[in-house]
C-alpha atoms as a PDB file:
ATOM      1  CA  MET A   1     -13.453   1.516 -30.982  1.00  0.00           C
ATOM      2  CA  SER A   2     -13.565   3.412 -27.237  1.00  0.00           C
ATOM      3  CA  GLN A   3     -15.512   6.920 -27.133  1.00  0.00           C
ATOM      4  CA  ILE A   4     -12.478   8.802 -26.889  1.00  0.00           C
ATOM      5  CA  SER A   5      -9.052   8.304 -27.905  1.00  0.00           C
ATOM      6  CA  VAL A   6      -6.124   9.826 -26.807  1.00  0.00           C
ATOM      7  CA  SER A   7      -2.898  10.725 -29.327  1.00  0.00           C
ATOM      8  CA  ALA A   8       0.290  12.647 -29.076  1.00  0.00           C
ATOM      9  CA  GLU A   9      -1.841  14.917 -31.354  1.00  0.00           C
ATOM     10  CA  GLY A  10      -4.915  15.352 -28.642  1.00  0.00           C
ATOM     11  CA  PHE A  11      -7.738  13.361 -28.673  1.00  0.00           C
ATOM     12  CA  VAL A  12     -10.325  12.446 -30.674  1.00  0.00           C
ATOM     13  CA  VAL A  13     -14.028  11.828 -29.968  1.00  0.00           C
ATOM     14  CA  ASP A  14     -16.705   9.687 -31.487  1.00  0.00           C
ATOM     15  CA  ALA A  15     -18.857  11.668 -33.084  1.00  0.00           C
ATOM     16  CA  GLU A  16     -21.723   9.272 -32.008  1.00  0.00           C
ATOM     17  CA  LEU A  17     -20.765  10.319 -28.537  1.00  0.00           C
ATOM     18  CA  LEU A  18     -21.457  14.359 -29.658  1.00  0.00           C
ATOM     19  CA  GLY A  19     -24.611  13.765 -31.671  1.00  0.00           C
ATOM     20  CA  SER A  20     -26.177  11.890 -28.953  1.00  0.00           C
ATOM     21  CA  ALA A  21     -25.505  14.992 -26.512  1.00  0.00           C
ATOM     22  CA  PHE A  22     -26.715  17.591 -28.649  1.00  0.00           C
ATOM     23  CA  GLY A  23     -29.394  15.587 -30.209  1.00  0.00           C
ATOM     24  CA  VAL A  24     -28.075  15.495 -34.350  1.00  0.00           C
ATOM     25  CA  ALA A  25     -27.211  12.463 -36.391  1.00  0.00           C
ATOM     26  CA  ALA A  26     -23.183  11.799 -35.926  1.00  0.00           C
ATOM     27  CA  GLU A  27     -23.123  11.926 -39.959  1.00  0.00           C
ATOM     28  CA  THR A  28     -23.329  15.844 -39.299  1.00  0.00           C
ATOM     29  CA  ILE A  29     -20.882  16.236 -36.625  1.00  0.00           C
ATOM     30  CA  PRO A  30     -17.345  16.415 -38.760  1.00  0.00           C
ATOM     31  CA  GLU A  31     -19.188  19.127 -41.236  1.00  0.00           C
ATOM     32  CA  GLU A  32     -20.681  21.009 -38.174  1.00  0.00           C
ATOM     33  CA  MET A  33     -17.206  21.193 -36.186  1.00  0.00           C
ATOM     34  CA  ARG A  34     -15.607  22.453 -39.566  1.00  0.00           C
ATOM     35  CA  ASN A  35     -18.085  24.683 -40.403  1.00  0.00           C
ATOM     36  CA  GLY A  36     -17.767  26.415 -36.412  1.00  0.00           C
ATOM     37  CA  ASP A  37     -20.958  25.561 -35.563  1.00  0.00           C
ATOM     38  CA  ILE A  38     -19.611  23.118 -33.058  1.00  0.00           C
ATOM     39  CA  THR A  39     -16.452  24.627 -31.325  1.00  0.00           C
ATOM     40  CA  SER A  40     -14.590  23.272 -28.799  1.00  0.00           C
ATOM     41  CA  ARG A  41     -11.961  23.582 -25.870  1.00  0.00           C
ATOM     42  CA  SER A  42      -9.583  21.273 -23.883  1.00  0.00           C
ATOM     43  CA  GLU A  43      -7.818  22.094 -20.462  1.00  0.00           C
ATOM     44  CA  THR A  44      -5.235  19.877 -19.022  1.00  0.00           C
ATOM     45  CA  GLY A  45      -5.671  19.523 -15.260  1.00  0.00           C
ATOM     46  CA  VAL A  46      -2.927  20.146 -12.998  1.00  0.00           C
ATOM     47  CA  GLY A  47      -2.160  20.086  -9.090  1.00  0.00           C
ATOM     48  CA  GLU A  48      -4.592  17.831  -7.449  1.00  0.00           C
ATOM     49  CA  ASP A  49      -6.339  17.141 -10.850  1.00  0.00           C
ATOM     50  CA  ALA A  50      -2.831  16.144 -12.620  1.00  0.00           C
ATOM     51  CA  GLY A  51      -3.810  13.378 -15.152  1.00  0.00           C
ATOM     52  CA  LYS A  52      -7.017  14.522 -16.561  1.00  0.00           C
ATOM     53  CA  SER A  53      -8.404  17.089 -19.372  1.00  0.00           C
ATOM     54  CA  ARG A  54     -11.362  18.842 -19.083  1.00  0.00           C
ATOM     55  CA  LEU A  55     -13.152  18.827 -22.785  1.00  0.00           C
ATOM     56  CA  THR A  56     -15.884  20.964 -23.319  1.00  0.00           C
ATOM     57  CA  PHE A  57     -18.109  21.451 -26.972  1.00  0.00           C
ATOM     58  CA  TYR A  58     -20.031  23.975 -27.762  1.00  0.00           C
ATOM     59  CA  ARG A  59     -23.223  24.046 -29.710  1.00  0.00           C
ATOM     60  CA  GLU A  60     -26.098  26.227 -30.502  1.00  0.00           C
ATOM     61  CA  GLY A  61     -26.023  27.956 -26.778  1.00  0.00           C
ATOM     62  CA  ARG A  62     -25.399  24.176 -25.295  1.00  0.00           C
ATOM     63  CA  ALA A  63     -22.117  22.865 -23.738  1.00  0.00           C
ATOM     64  CA  LEU A  64     -21.200  19.501 -22.930  1.00  0.00           C
ATOM     65  CA  ARG A  65     -18.532  19.003 -20.614  1.00  0.00           C
ATOM     66  CA  LEU A  66     -16.495  15.875 -20.559  1.00  0.00           C
ATOM     67  CA  VAL A  67     -13.563  14.992 -17.717  1.00  0.00           C
ATOM     68  CA  VAL A  68     -11.389  12.551 -19.106  1.00  0.00           C
ATOM     69  CA  ASN A  69      -8.150  10.198 -17.570  1.00  0.00           C
ATOM     70  CA  ALA A  70      -5.034  10.218 -19.336  1.00  0.00           C
ATOM     71  CA  LYS A  71      -6.720   7.206 -20.922  1.00  0.00           C
ATOM     72  CA  GLY A  72      -9.461   8.885 -22.350  1.00  0.00           C
ATOM     73  CA  GLU A  73     -12.030   7.168 -20.110  1.00  0.00           C
ATOM     74  CA  ILE A  74     -15.067   9.036 -19.206  1.00  0.00           C
ATOM     75  CA  LEU A  75     -15.049  10.228 -15.580  1.00  0.00           C
ATOM     76  CA  SER A  76     -17.514  12.784 -15.177  1.00  0.00           C
ATOM     77  CA  ARG A  77     -19.713  14.359 -17.998  1.00  0.00           C
ATOM     78  CA  SER A  78     -22.450  17.562 -17.785  1.00  0.00           C
ATOM     79  CA  SER A  79     -24.472  19.486 -20.506  1.00  0.00           C
ATOM     80  CA  PHE A  80     -25.548  22.972 -19.788  1.00  0.00           C
ATOM     81  CA  PRO A  81     -26.672  26.127 -21.722  1.00  0.00           C
ATOM     82  CA  VAL A  82     -24.311  28.963 -22.489  1.00  0.00           C
ATOM     83  CA  SER A  83     -24.695  32.157 -23.337  1.00  0.00           C
ATOM     84  CA  LYS A  84     -23.042  33.503 -26.482  1.00  0.00           C
ATOM     85  CA  GLY A  85     -20.626  35.922 -24.634  1.00  0.00           C
ATOM     86  CA  ARG A  86     -19.206  32.374 -22.774  1.00  0.00           C
ATOM     87  CA  ARG A  87     -18.636  30.404 -26.321  1.00  0.00           C
ATOM     88  CA  PRO A  88     -15.110  30.233 -27.546  1.00  0.00           C
ATOM     89  CA  GLY A  89     -14.525  32.037 -30.740  1.00  0.00           C
ATOM     90  CA  GLN A  90     -17.170  34.619 -30.451  1.00  0.00           C
END
């Protein structure tokens, strides 16, 4: 399986990718997402960014941002600190 797959319902990101980015075991990722300890946001590119999507995951003051193409291939990846005020749903 590739790290990100795309379907009509959206994106599926491999737990290994998220676990590695946040320094936790991949097995904990589904429960942390269900509990709201990890939240996410996806945005679809327009104009010169058409065909790209930006996926951002938030956990404990850190964010992982992935820019992917329509096939789910990662074009860029960044990680950065965020304040609670910038985290969606808070």
